[in-house]
Protein backbone atom coordinates (compact mmCIF):
# COMPACT_ATOMS: atom_id res chain seq x y z
CA UNK A 1 25.41 -13.97 -38.23
CA UNK A 2 24.09 -17.48 -38.57
CA UNK A 3 23.15 -18.14 -34.96
CA UNK A 4 19.44 -18.64 -35.62
CA UNK A 5 20.04 -21.17 -38.39
CA UNK A 6 22.77 -22.92 -36.46
CA UNK A 7 20.88 -23.21 -33.21
CA UNK A 8 17.61 -24.39 -34.69
CA UNK A 9 19.37 -26.77 -37.02
CA UNK A 10 21.35 -28.22 -34.13
CA UNK A 11 18.27 -28.91 -32.04
CA UNK A 12 16.19 -30.17 -34.93
CA UNK A 13 18.83 -32.46 -36.39
CA UNK A 14 19.41 -33.99 -33.02
CA UNK A 15 15.74 -34.83 -32.78
CA UNK A 16 15.25 -35.78 -36.42
CA UNK A 17 18.24 -38.06 -36.64
CA UNK A 18 17.26 -39.97 -33.56
CA UNK A 19 13.61 -40.39 -34.33
CA UNK A 20 13.89 -40.84 -38.05
CA UNK A 21 10.31 -39.60 -38.45
CA UNK A 22 8.88 -36.93 -40.69
CA UNK A 23 5.72 -34.95 -39.85
CA UNK A 24 3.52 -35.18 -42.86
CA UNK A 25 2.20 -31.62 -42.57
CA UNK A 26 5.76 -30.23 -42.94
CA UNK A 27 6.49 -31.82 -46.31
CA UNK A 28 7.52 -29.37 -49.00
CA UNK A 29 8.05 -26.36 -46.71
CA UNK A 30 10.39 -23.80 -48.29
CA UNK A 31 11.55 -20.28 -47.45
CA UNK A 32 11.80 -17.73 -50.27
CA UNK A 33 14.71 -15.89 -48.62
CA UNK A 34 16.91 -19.05 -48.33
CA UNK A 35 18.42 -19.65 -51.80
CA UNK A 36 19.29 -23.18 -52.84
CA UNK A 37 22.98 -22.32 -53.19
CA UNK A 38 23.23 -21.07 -49.58
CA UNK A 39 25.67 -23.05 -47.44
CA UNK A 40 22.96 -23.78 -44.82
CA UNK A 41 20.13 -24.40 -47.29
CA UNK A 42 20.12 -28.16 -46.82
CA UNK A 43 20.11 -27.94 -42.99
CA UNK A 44 17.30 -25.41 -42.96
CA UNK A 45 15.30 -27.39 -45.48
CA UNK A 46 15.72 -30.62 -43.51
CA UNK A 47 14.55 -28.93 -40.31
CA UNK A 48 11.58 -27.41 -42.08
CA UNK A 49 10.61 -30.75 -43.60
CA UNK A 50 10.70 -32.31 -40.14
CA UNK A 51 8.47 -29.54 -38.71
CA UNK A 52 11.04 -28.15 -36.26
CA UNK A 53 11.49 -24.83 -38.02
CA UNK A 54 8.73 -22.45 -39.03
CA UNK A 55 9.03 -19.15 -40.79
CA UNK A 56 7.72 -15.72 -39.80
CA UNK A 57 4.08 -14.85 -40.58
CA UNK A 58 5.11 -13.54 -44.01
CA UNK A 59 6.76 -16.90 -44.83
CA UNK A 60 10.37 -15.74 -44.63
CA UNK A 61 13.09 -17.40 -42.55
CA UNK A 62 15.25 -14.28 -41.95
CA UNK A 63 18.42 -16.28 -41.54
CA UNK A 64 20.69 -13.21 -41.40
CA UNK A 65 18.89 -11.73 -38.42
CA UNK A 66 20.99 -11.49 -35.18
CA UNK A 67 20.11 -13.93 -32.43
CA UNK A 68 18.71 -12.26 -29.30
CA UNK A 69 18.88 -13.75 -25.84
CA UNK A 70 15.14 -14.37 -25.99
CA UNK A 71 15.55 -16.37 -29.17
CA UNK A 72 18.51 -18.18 -27.66
CA UNK A 73 16.36 -19.18 -24.67
CA UNK A 74 13.67 -20.41 -27.07
CA UNK A 75 16.18 -22.55 -28.97
CA UNK A 76 17.59 -24.09 -25.80
CA UNK A 77 14.08 -24.79 -24.52
CA UNK A 78 13.19 -26.50 -27.80
CA UNK A 79 16.32 -28.65 -27.58
CA UNK A 80 15.53 -29.61 -23.97
CA UNK A 81 11.94 -30.49 -24.91
CA UNK A 82 13.20 -32.63 -27.77
CA UNK A 83 15.61 -34.48 -25.48
CA UNK A 84 12.84 -35.04 -22.93
CA UNK A 85 10.58 -36.40 -25.64
CA UNK A 86 13.37 -38.75 -26.75
CA UNK A 87 13.82 -40.02 -23.20
CA UNK A 88 10.13 -40.88 -22.94
CA UNK A 89 10.10 -42.62 -26.29
CA UNK A 90 13.42 -44.42 -26.13
CA UNK A 91 11.77 -47.65 -25.13
CA UNK A 92 9.69 -47.58 -28.30
CA UNK A 93 12.65 -47.29 -30.69
CA UNK A 94 13.03 -50.54 -32.66
CA UNK A 95 16.32 -52.43 -32.38
CA UNK A 96 16.57 -52.52 -36.12
CA UNK A 97 16.80 -49.03 -37.64
CA UNK A 98 13.86 -48.27 -39.86
CA UNK A 99 14.96 -44.81 -40.97
CA UNK A 100 17.91 -43.37 -42.76
CA UNK A 101 21.11 -44.07 -40.82
CA UNK A 102 23.29 -41.17 -39.61
CA UNK A 103 26.27 -40.69 -41.86
CA UNK A 104 29.66 -39.12 -41.20
CA UNK A 105 28.57 -36.19 -43.32
CA UNK A 106 25.65 -35.54 -40.95
CA UNK A 107 28.01 -35.58 -37.98
CA UNK A 108 30.36 -33.13 -39.69
CA UNK A 109 27.48 -30.72 -40.29
CA UNK A 110 26.44 -30.90 -36.65
CA UNK A 111 30.01 -30.28 -35.51
CA UNK A 112 30.27 -27.23 -37.77
CA UNK A 113 27.07 -25.78 -36.35
CA UNK A 114 28.20 -26.43 -32.76
CA UNK A 115 31.55 -24.73 -33.38
CA UNK A 116 29.81 -21.66 -34.83
CA UNK A 117 27.35 -21.47 -31.91
CA UNK A 118 30.09 -21.89 -29.28
CA UNK A 119 31.66 -18.53 -30.11
CA UNK A 120 28.37 -16.74 -29.51
CA UNK A 121 27.86 -18.53 -26.19
CA UNK A 122 31.28 -17.40 -25.05
CA UNK A 123 30.42 -13.80 -25.97
CA UNK A 124 27.13 -13.92 -24.06
CA UNK A 125 28.84 -15.39 -20.99
CA UNK A 126 31.40 -12.60 -21.06
CA UNK A 127 28.69 -9.93 -21.28
CA UNK A 128 26.78 -11.45 -18.34
CA UNK A 129 29.93 -11.51 -16.24
CA UNK A 130 30.64 -7.84 -17.01
CA UNK A 131 27.07 -6.86 -16.13
CA UNK A 132 27.28 -8.68 -12.79
CA UNK A 133 30.48 -6.85 -11.93
CA UNK A 134 28.88 -3.50 -12.76
CA UNK A 135 25.85 -4.24 -10.55
CA UNK A 136 28.11 -5.14 -7.64
CA UNK A 137 30.00 -1.88 -8.06
CA UNK A 138 26.76 0.12 -8.21
CA UNK A 139 25.45 -1.55 -5.03
CA UNK A 140 28.63 -0.62 -3.20
CA UNK A 141 28.28 3.00 -4.35
CA UNK A 142 24.73 3.11 -2.95
CA UNK A 143 25.86 1.73 0.41
CA UNK A 144 28.69 4.26 0.57
CA UNK A 145 26.28 7.13 -0.20
CA UNK A 146 23.86 5.98 2.51
CA UNK A 147 26.69 5.79 5.03
CA UNK A 148 27.72 9.36 4.19
CA UNK A 149 24.12 10.57 4.58
CA UNK A 150 23.80 8.91 8.00
CA UNK A 151 27.07 10.46 9.06
CA UNK A 152 25.85 13.90 7.98
CA UNK A 153 22.60 13.31 9.94
CA UNK A 154 24.55 12.46 13.09
CA UNK A 155 26.79 15.49 12.63
CA UNK A 156 23.80 17.83 12.29
CA UNK A 157 22.10 16.38 15.37
CA UNK A 158 25.26 16.57 17.46
CA UNK A 159 25.98 20.14 16.33
CA UNK A 160 22.53 21.70 16.60
CA UNK A 161 20.61 19.41 18.93
CA UNK A 162 18.58 16.29 18.36
CA UNK A 163 15.80 16.83 15.85
CA UNK A 164 17.18 20.18 14.66
CA UNK A 165 16.84 19.12 11.04
CA UNK A 166 13.31 17.79 11.39
CA UNK A 167 10.51 19.39 9.41
CA UNK A 168 7.67 21.32 11.03
CA UNK A 169 4.53 23.05 9.80
CA UNK A 170 3.15 26.50 10.54
CA UNK A 171 -0.60 27.01 10.31
CA UNK A 172 -3.22 29.36 11.66
CA UNK A 173 -6.10 31.66 10.89
CA UNK A 174 -7.34 35.21 11.39
CA UNK A 175 -10.98 36.24 11.90
CA UNK A 176 -11.63 39.93 11.22
CA UNK A 177 -15.17 41.05 12.07
CA UNK A 178 -17.65 43.83 11.97
CA UNK A 179 -20.41 43.50 14.60
CA UNK A 180 -23.55 45.57 14.99
CA UNK A 181 -26.76 45.36 16.98
CA UNK A 182 -28.61 48.21 15.34
CA UNK A 183 -29.86 49.33 18.76
CA UNK A 184 -28.89 51.98 21.24
CA UNK A 185 -29.11 49.41 24.02
CA UNK A 186 -27.00 46.93 22.11
CA UNK A 187 -24.44 45.91 24.70
CA UNK A 188 -26.89 43.66 26.48
CA UNK A 189 -26.28 40.99 23.87
CA UNK A 190 -25.79 37.85 26.03
CA UNK A 191 -23.25 36.02 23.95
CA UNK A 192 -19.60 35.13 24.35
CA UNK A 193 -17.36 36.98 21.94
CA UNK A 194 -19.61 39.96 21.27
CA UNK A 195 -17.63 43.20 21.69
CA UNK A 196 -15.92 42.19 24.92
CA UNK A 197 -15.45 38.40 25.09
CA UNK A 198 -16.52 36.66 28.25
CA UNK A 199 -18.92 39.26 29.65
CA UNK A 200 -22.33 40.81 29.01
CA UNK A 201 -20.62 44.20 28.68
CA UNK A 202 -23.25 46.90 28.87
CA UNK A 203 -25.58 49.17 30.81
CA UNK A 204 -29.31 48.98 31.34
CA UNK A 205 -30.22 52.54 30.55
CA UNK A 206 -28.02 53.35 27.59
CA UNK A 207 -25.58 51.35 25.55
CA UNK A 208 -22.40 52.00 23.66
CA UNK A 209 -20.38 50.25 20.98
CA UNK A 210 -23.48 49.63 18.90
CA UNK A 211 -21.09 48.69 16.13
CA UNK A 212 -17.46 47.72 16.21
CA UNK A 213 -14.59 46.31 14.16
CA UNK A 214 -12.53 43.66 15.91
CA UNK A 215 -10.14 40.79 15.37
CA UNK A 216 -12.06 38.00 17.07
CA UNK A 217 -9.35 35.40 16.79
CA UNK A 218 -5.80 35.38 15.43
CA UNK A 219 -4.02 32.10 16.01
CA UNK A 220 -0.66 30.71 14.97
CA UNK A 221 0.35 27.08 15.45
CA UNK A 222 3.67 25.31 15.03
CA UNK A 223 3.56 21.51 14.92
CA UNK A 224 6.06 18.86 13.98
CA UNK A 225 7.63 15.49 14.70
CA UNK A 226 10.85 15.02 16.62
CA UNK A 227 10.99 11.30 15.87
CA UNK A 228 8.66 8.84 14.21
CA UNK A 229 6.88 8.41 17.55
CA UNK A 230 7.08 11.84 19.18
CA UNK A 231 5.17 14.91 18.01
CA UNK A 232 4.59 18.38 19.46
CA UNK A 233 2.35 21.40 18.97
CA UNK A 234 2.39 25.01 20.16
CA UNK A 235 -0.42 27.50 19.45
CA UNK A 236 -0.56 31.17 20.41
CA UNK A 237 -3.64 33.38 20.18
CA UNK A 238 -4.83 36.94 20.43
CA UNK A 239 -8.61 37.20 20.64
CA UNK A 240 -11.27 39.87 20.79
CA UNK A 241 -9.09 42.88 19.99
CA UNK A 242 -11.49 45.79 19.37
CA UNK A 243 -10.59 49.10 17.85
CA UNK A 244 -11.06 51.19 21.02
CA UNK A 245 -10.29 48.74 23.80
CA UNK A 246 -6.97 47.11 22.98
CA UNK A 247 -4.83 47.17 26.10
CA UNK A 248 -2.37 44.83 27.82
CA UNK A 249 -4.82 44.27 30.65
CA UNK A 250 -7.68 42.67 28.72
CA UNK A 251 -6.35 41.94 25.24
CA UNK A 252 -3.15 39.94 25.21
CA UNK A 253 -1.37 37.09 23.52
CA UNK A 254 -2.05 33.76 25.21
CA UNK A 255 -0.88 30.19 24.74
CA UNK A 256 -3.77 27.99 23.63
CA UNK A 257 -1.90 24.76 22.98
CA UNK A 258 1.41 23.41 24.18
CA UNK A 259 1.65 19.64 24.13
CA UNK A 260 3.81 16.65 23.33
CA UNK A 261 2.39 13.37 22.05
CA UNK A 262 3.98 9.93 21.91
CA UNK A 263 2.57 7.10 19.78
CA UNK A 264 3.61 3.57 20.64
CA UNK A 265 4.77 0.91 18.18
CA UNK A 266 5.73 2.15 14.73
CA UNK A 267 4.33 5.62 15.38
CA UNK A 268 1.13 5.13 13.37
CA UNK A 269 -1.66 6.63 15.51
CA UNK A 270 -4.30 4.71 13.54
CA UNK A 271 -2.85 1.43 14.78
CA UNK A 272 -1.32 2.23 18.18
CA UNK A 273 -2.25 4.13 21.37
CA UNK A 274 -1.12 7.75 21.73
CA UNK A 275 -0.30 9.55 24.98
CA UNK A 276 -0.61 13.36 25.00
CA UNK A 277 0.52 15.64 27.81
CA UNK A 278 0.37 19.40 28.30
CA UNK A 279 -2.23 21.90 27.12
CA UNK A 280 -4.52 20.43 24.45
CA UNK A 281 -8.05 20.79 23.03
CA UNK A 282 -10.85 19.75 25.39
CA UNK A 283 -11.95 16.29 24.20
CA UNK A 284 -15.47 16.59 25.67
CA UNK A 285 -18.17 16.44 23.01
CA UNK A 286 -18.03 17.59 19.41
CA UNK A 287 -18.56 21.37 19.42
CA UNK A 288 -16.10 22.18 22.20
CA UNK A 289 -13.37 20.04 20.63
CA UNK A 290 -13.81 21.48 17.12
CA UNK A 291 -11.52 24.28 16.00
CA UNK A 292 -13.10 27.73 16.10
CA UNK A 293 -12.05 28.06 12.45
CA UNK A 294 -14.45 25.25 11.49
CA UNK A 295 -17.57 25.91 13.58
CA UNK A 296 -20.74 27.00 11.80
CA UNK A 297 -21.79 30.08 13.80
CA UNK A 298 -19.46 32.92 14.85
CA UNK A 299 -19.52 31.62 18.45
CA UNK A 300 -20.13 28.19 19.87
CA UNK A 301 -23.64 27.43 21.23
CA UNK A 302 -24.01 28.68 24.80
CA UNK A 303 -24.12 25.23 26.42
CA UNK A 304 -20.70 24.48 24.87
CA UNK A 305 -19.24 27.99 24.88
CA UNK A 306 -15.82 28.78 26.32
CA UNK A 307 -16.88 32.35 27.17
CA UNK A 308 -17.81 33.60 30.61
CA UNK A 309 -21.55 32.98 30.17
CA UNK A 310 -21.43 29.24 29.56
CA UNK A 311 -20.47 26.28 31.72
CA UNK A 312 -17.12 25.76 29.99
CA UNK A 313 -15.52 29.13 30.76
CA UNK A 314 -11.91 29.11 29.50
CA UNK A 315 -12.11 25.34 29.05
CA UNK A 316 -11.87 25.02 25.27
CA UNK A 317 -8.34 23.83 26.08
CA UNK A 318 -7.40 21.84 29.17
CA UNK A 319 -4.18 21.14 31.03
CA UNK A 320 -3.45 17.50 31.77
CA UNK A 321 -2.70 14.15 30.15
CA UNK A 322 -4.63 11.97 27.72
CA UNK A 323 -4.41 8.48 26.25
CA UNK A 324 -6.30 7.77 23.03
CA UNK A 325 -6.72 4.90 20.61
CA UNK A 326 -8.15 4.76 17.08
CA UNK A 327 -9.59 1.44 15.91
CA UNK A 328 -8.85 1.83 12.21
CA UNK A 329 -8.69 -1.96 11.94
CA UNK A 330 -11.58 -4.28 12.71
CA UNK A 331 -11.04 -5.77 16.17
CA UNK A 332 -12.85 -8.61 17.86
CA UNK A 333 -15.29 -6.41 19.80
CA UNK A 334 -14.68 -2.90 18.39
CA UNK A 335 -15.71 -1.61 14.95
CA UNK A 336 -13.29 0.11 12.62
CA UNK A 337 -13.52 3.90 12.88
CA UNK A 338 -14.02 4.11 16.67
CA UNK A 339 -11.91 6.52 18.73
CA UNK A 340 -11.56 6.08 22.50
CA UNK A 341 -9.87 8.45 24.92
CA UNK A 342 -9.43 9.14 28.62
CA UNK A 343 -8.11 12.47 29.92
CA UNK A 344 -7.05 13.55 33.41
CA UNK A 345 -7.11 17.36 33.59
CA UNK A 346 -7.15 20.36 35.88
CA UNK A 347 -10.72 21.53 36.59
CA UNK A 348 -10.03 25.14 35.60
CA UNK A 349 -9.13 24.83 31.92
CA UNK A 350 -5.94 26.59 30.86
CA UNK A 351 -5.09 27.81 34.37
CA UNK A 352 -2.15 26.08 36.03
CA UNK A 353 -3.33 26.80 39.59
CA UNK A 354 -5.56 23.86 40.52
CA UNK A 355 -7.75 25.60 43.08
CA UNK A 356 -10.05 22.63 43.69
CA UNK A 357 -7.24 20.26 44.66
CA UNK A 358 -8.97 17.71 42.43
CA UNK A 359 -8.11 16.07 39.09
CA UNK A 360 -11.07 15.83 36.71
CA UNK A 361 -11.71 12.96 34.29
CA UNK A 362 -13.03 13.16 30.73
CA UNK A 363 -14.19 10.01 28.93
CA UNK A 364 -14.91 10.13 25.20
CA UNK A 365 -15.96 7.60 22.55
CA UNK A 366 -16.84 8.65 19.01
CA UNK A 367 -17.45 6.71 15.82
CA UNK A 368 -17.33 7.80 12.18
CA UNK A 369 -18.32 5.74 9.17
CA UNK A 370 -15.60 5.08 6.55
CA UNK A 371 -17.28 7.47 4.08
CA UNK A 372 -17.39 10.17 6.82
CA UNK A 373 -21.10 10.78 6.23
CA UNK A 374 -22.18 9.86 9.78
CA UNK A 375 -20.56 10.51 13.14
CA UNK A 376 -21.75 9.60 16.65
CA UNK A 377 -20.22 10.32 20.03
CA UNK A 378 -20.72 10.04 23.78
CA UNK A 379 -18.86 11.94 26.51
CA UNK A 380 -18.73 12.01 30.29
CA UNK A 381 -17.11 14.60 32.54
CA UNK A 382 -16.48 13.81 36.20
CA UNK A 383 -15.00 16.65 38.22
CA UNK A 384 -15.51 19.85 40.14
CA UNK A 385 -16.09 23.52 39.38
CA UNK A 386 -13.32 25.96 40.17
CA UNK A 387 -15.08 28.99 41.62
CA UNK A 388 -11.93 30.90 42.44
CA UNK A 389 -13.00 31.88 45.94
CA UNK A 390 -10.29 30.06 47.81
CA UNK A 391 -12.83 28.76 50.29
CA UNK A 392 -12.07 25.77 52.47
CA UNK A 393 -15.58 24.39 51.98
CA UNK A 394 -16.59 21.73 49.51
CA UNK A 395 -16.26 22.41 45.80
CA UNK A 396 -19.28 22.28 43.46
CA UNK A 397 -19.64 19.04 41.53
CA UNK A 398 -19.49 18.97 37.74
CA UNK A 399 -20.71 15.63 36.40
CA UNK A 400 -22.00 15.89 32.84
CA UNK A 401 -23.07 13.36 30.23
CA UNK A 402 -23.30 14.26 26.55
CA UNK A 403 -24.24 12.73 23.20
CA UNK A 404 -23.64 14.15 19.74
CA UNK A 405 -24.24 13.27 16.10
CA UNK A 406 -23.21 14.60 12.70
CA UNK A 407 -24.75 13.85 9.30
CA UNK A 408 -23.24 14.94 5.99
CA UNK A 409 -24.80 13.76 2.71
CA UNK A 410 -23.05 13.72 -0.69
CA UNK A 411 -25.76 16.05 -2.02
CA UNK A 412 -24.71 18.78 0.45
CA UNK A 413 -27.29 18.55 3.24
CA UNK A 414 -25.86 18.43 6.78
CA UNK A 415 -27.26 18.21 10.31
CA UNK A 416 -25.36 18.44 13.61
CA UNK A 417 -26.83 18.08 17.10
CA UNK A 418 -25.50 17.72 20.63
CA UNK A 419 -27.09 17.38 24.07
CA UNK A 420 -25.64 17.42 27.57
CA UNK A 421 -27.11 17.16 31.03
CA UNK A 422 -26.01 16.43 34.58
CA UNK A 423 -24.99 17.89 37.91
CA UNK A 424 -23.45 21.36 37.89
CA UNK A 425 -23.54 22.79 41.42
CA UNK A 426 -23.22 26.45 40.54
CA UNK A 427 -25.45 28.94 38.72
CA UNK A 428 -24.85 32.00 36.56
CA UNK A 429 -27.31 34.56 35.30
CA UNK A 430 -27.79 38.20 34.36
CA UNK A 431 -27.79 40.12 37.67
CA UNK A 432 -28.89 43.59 38.79
CA UNK A 433 -26.81 46.58 37.70
CA UNK A 434 -23.95 47.58 39.96
CA UNK A 435 -23.40 50.99 41.56
CA UNK A 436 -22.16 52.37 38.25
CA UNK A 437 -25.21 51.14 36.41
CA UNK A 438 -23.23 48.46 34.54
CA UNK A 439 -24.70 45.09 33.74
CA UNK A 440 -23.30 42.26 35.84
CA UNK A 441 -23.03 38.54 35.32
CA UNK A 442 -23.69 36.88 38.68
CA UNK A 443 -22.58 33.42 39.78
CA UNK A 444 -23.96 31.52 42.76
CA UNK A 445 -20.76 29.71 43.86
CA UNK A 446 -22.50 26.64 45.28
CA UNK A 447 -26.01 25.28 44.71
CA UNK A 448 -26.43 21.74 45.99
CA UNK A 449 -27.49 19.16 43.38
CA UNK A 450 -28.15 21.80 40.74
CA UNK A 451 -28.92 20.11 37.41
CA UNK A 452 -28.30 21.72 34.03
CA UNK A 453 -29.19 20.79 30.46
CA UNK A 454 -28.25 22.22 27.10
CA UNK A 455 -28.35 21.40 23.43
CA UNK A 456 -28.03 22.74 19.91
CA UNK A 457 -29.29 21.76 16.48
CA UNK A 458 -27.51 23.05 13.39
CA UNK A 459 -28.30 22.28 9.79
CA UNK A 460 -28.17 23.57 6.28
CA UNK A 461 -27.10 22.94 2.73
CA UNK A 462 -23.73 23.36 1.04
CA UNK A 463 -23.77 24.00 -2.69
CA UNK A 464 -20.76 23.18 -4.87
CA UNK A 465 -19.11 21.54 -1.86
CA UNK A 466 -16.30 19.95 -3.91
CA UNK A 467 -15.68 23.05 -6.01
CA UNK A 468 -13.47 26.06 -5.48
CA UNK A 469 -16.25 28.28 -4.06
CA UNK A 470 -18.63 26.35 -1.76
CA UNK A 471 -21.72 28.24 -0.61
CA UNK A 472 -23.47 27.25 2.64
CA UNK A 473 -26.90 28.32 3.86
CA UNK A 474 -27.29 27.39 7.54
CA UNK A 475 -29.33 27.89 10.70
CA UNK A 476 -28.70 27.13 14.37
CA UNK A 477 -30.89 26.88 17.46
CA UNK A 478 -29.47 26.34 20.95
CA UNK A 479 -30.65 26.37 24.55
CA UNK A 480 -29.05 26.30 27.98
CA UNK A 481 -31.12 25.57 31.10
CA UNK A 482 -28.87 26.69 33.94
CA UNK A 483 -31.03 25.24 36.70
CA UNK A 484 -32.89 22.35 35.14
CA UNK A 485 -33.99 21.13 38.58
CA UNK A 486 -33.08 23.80 41.12
CA UNK A 487 -32.50 22.69 44.70
CA UNK A 488 -32.34 25.79 46.87
CA UNK A 489 -31.81 24.68 50.45
CA UNK A 490 -29.37 24.96 53.31
CA UNK A 491 -26.84 23.12 51.19
CA UNK A 492 -25.95 26.51 49.77
CA UNK A 493 -23.05 27.43 52.02
CA UNK A 494 -22.64 30.97 50.72
CA UNK A 495 -24.77 33.52 52.52
CA UNK A 496 -26.97 35.72 50.44
CA UNK A 497 -26.86 33.61 47.30
CA UNK A 498 -30.20 31.82 47.76
CA UNK A 499 -32.87 33.52 45.68
CA UNK A 500 -36.36 32.81 44.49
CA UNK A 501 -35.59 32.04 40.85
CA UNK A 502 -36.91 28.70 39.73
CA UNK A 503 -36.58 26.89 36.46
CA UNK A 504 -38.13 28.83 33.61
CA UNK A 505 -39.97 32.05 34.42
CA UNK A 506 -40.87 32.63 38.05
CA UNK A 507 -43.50 34.92 39.51
CA UNK A 508 -40.75 37.42 40.11
CA UNK A 509 -39.94 37.55 36.43
CA UNK A 510 -36.55 35.82 36.64
CA UNK A 511 -35.32 32.97 34.48
CA UNK A 512 -32.43 30.53 34.32
CA UNK A 513 -33.00 29.80 30.63
CA UNK A 514 -31.12 30.97 27.54
CA UNK A 515 -32.31 30.27 23.99
CA UNK A 516 -30.91 31.62 20.74
CA UNK A 517 -31.64 31.38 17.01
CA UNK A 518 -29.03 32.11 14.38
CA UNK A 519 -28.88 31.91 10.61
CA UNK A 520 -26.56 33.03 7.88
CA UNK A 521 -24.42 32.42 4.81
CA UNK A 522 -20.85 31.14 4.47
CA UNK A 523 -19.02 31.53 1.16
CA UNK A 524 -15.48 30.53 0.22
CA UNK A 525 -13.84 33.25 -1.86
CA UNK A 526 -10.95 30.86 -2.48
CA UNK A 527 -9.48 27.79 -0.81
CA UNK A 528 -8.10 29.88 2.11
CA UNK A 529 -10.58 32.75 2.48
CA UNK A 530 -14.14 32.49 3.80
CA UNK A 531 -16.82 35.16 4.16
CA UNK A 532 -19.46 34.67 6.88
CA UNK A 533 -22.59 36.79 7.28
CA UNK A 534 -24.61 35.81 10.36
CA UNK A 535 -27.47 37.07 12.51
CA UNK A 536 -28.07 35.87 16.09
CA UNK A 537 -31.34 36.52 17.94
CA UNK A 538 -31.79 35.69 21.65
CA UNK A 539 -35.28 34.58 22.68
CA UNK A 540 -34.61 34.13 26.39
CA UNK A 541 -31.86 35.54 28.60
CA UNK A 542 -31.11 34.17 32.09
CA UNK A 543 -31.59 36.94 34.66
CA UNK A 544 -32.29 37.47 38.34
CA UNK A 545 -35.80 37.98 39.71
CA UNK A 546 -34.86 41.47 40.97
CA UNK A 547 -33.13 42.54 37.75
CA UNK A 548 -34.75 44.35 34.83
CA UNK A 549 -35.64 42.02 31.99
CA UNK A 550 -32.82 42.28 29.42
CA UNK A 551 -33.74 43.44 25.97
CA UNK A 552 -33.36 40.56 23.56
CA UNK A 553 -31.04 42.40 21.20
CA UNK A 554 -29.87 40.56 18.10
CA UNK A 555 -26.32 40.69 16.79
CA UNK A 556 -25.31 41.02 13.14
CA UNK A 557 -21.82 39.73 12.28
CA UNK A 558 -19.81 40.01 9.08
CA UNK A 559 -16.55 38.10 9.20
CA UNK A 560 -13.66 37.47 6.86
CA UNK A 561 -11.54 34.46 7.83
CA UNK A 562 -8.20 33.54 6.29
CA UNK A 563 -6.56 30.18 6.99
CA UNK A 564 -2.94 29.44 6.22
């Protein structure tokens, strides 16, 4: 094919004939692969002499090489540039020709080159037309396929219910434990989750269950999205199942979560508000909201414990409605990374019977830096305590304020702390033994203006935190002051509940204070399995002035947790 020679010669001759000039630097240019007897030798040589044709880096012209569309575009561009240059210089052309006039032979050569080039242009035009037709056909096939897919989607929804073909996830964890006190009087351990969750579980004179295997928690959660805006979650749980005490009366499967959530706008919860309704995790503070699979110690600190000894009994999950908003974008007055929420809930946790006839409010604001190394939060709870007595008298107030902070360094050091205080018009403590000699956990149903305070500090170091087997050494100290400023007066409407215990240790030997120290090791056997070895030592146990002082028995826990 002679397209390259023809095209370049056409453009160059047009320019050279009109201008009649010869660039001096192009004089004598020759190409070794264009023999003198070649039919296009003269045209190529003329173009080379005029500087419009240059060879390849090795000096060859390669006249037999096929013309590509890129080269064709280059040729056309060169012709257009030449014509533009002629238009700008036409005023400078002298009226009397100074160069060699164009002869009929020159015109014949140009015509021959144009005729040869025209056939190739026709071929290219035909190929472009065919390609366009093929693209149109392919586009129609894609549209037809999409229409069939949408039709199949509608058929599935109509046949099996809306959202039947939506994906969902199943997750959960199991915590299998061995617990031991190493003491004959072990069951006085004042901690939620030990042996029998939610009670002190023991006798004063002699104990039992000094060691026990149990499944502390076994939870299964199903979560998914019905639409781009609507999500749901259901979690079931069986907790505290011990080897000798599993029965339908005190060990049973319960529903921990059952909620629906709707996110406005495009469904992105980082950009739009989300409304959640049903049974969901208590948003108050950091420790109470965190999953039990992720907390540091085997049980939450007493001031934030969902067991029967704390002030959040059965309130790790609450029944109500919540609206939340994440400021993942920088707003005018709010920093990026701030989460705000308001919740209206029943005052008795997971129970559906609202015995106080009051709706409690939970306000929460927490901030986390983009690198997740620092977190800060504030919480406020405004509500009442459900004492379950069914009395027609006033309900105890529960108005608590809390602050929390979390620090996690890239090197592995971490520190978590949380503090809460406020009005909590009821009191609980370790009472005298009952007629059977069993330990009892006593609650004063109403104590006017009773103030409580509690906190924890947890810290440690995680080695190989980004590897397959992280190892954590940690310690925890927590305290709960159940009557931070006791106010025993006639405001106590329940007869017989006023006693002489004051804050700290009274002359009668009683105390409203609980303090605990724990330390241990957590080691990931693999990405799903974690071993925890932990020891918890009480230093103070809240007890009545007329009750024997509880032995401060420590608890040793070995736990294997599997998440899936």
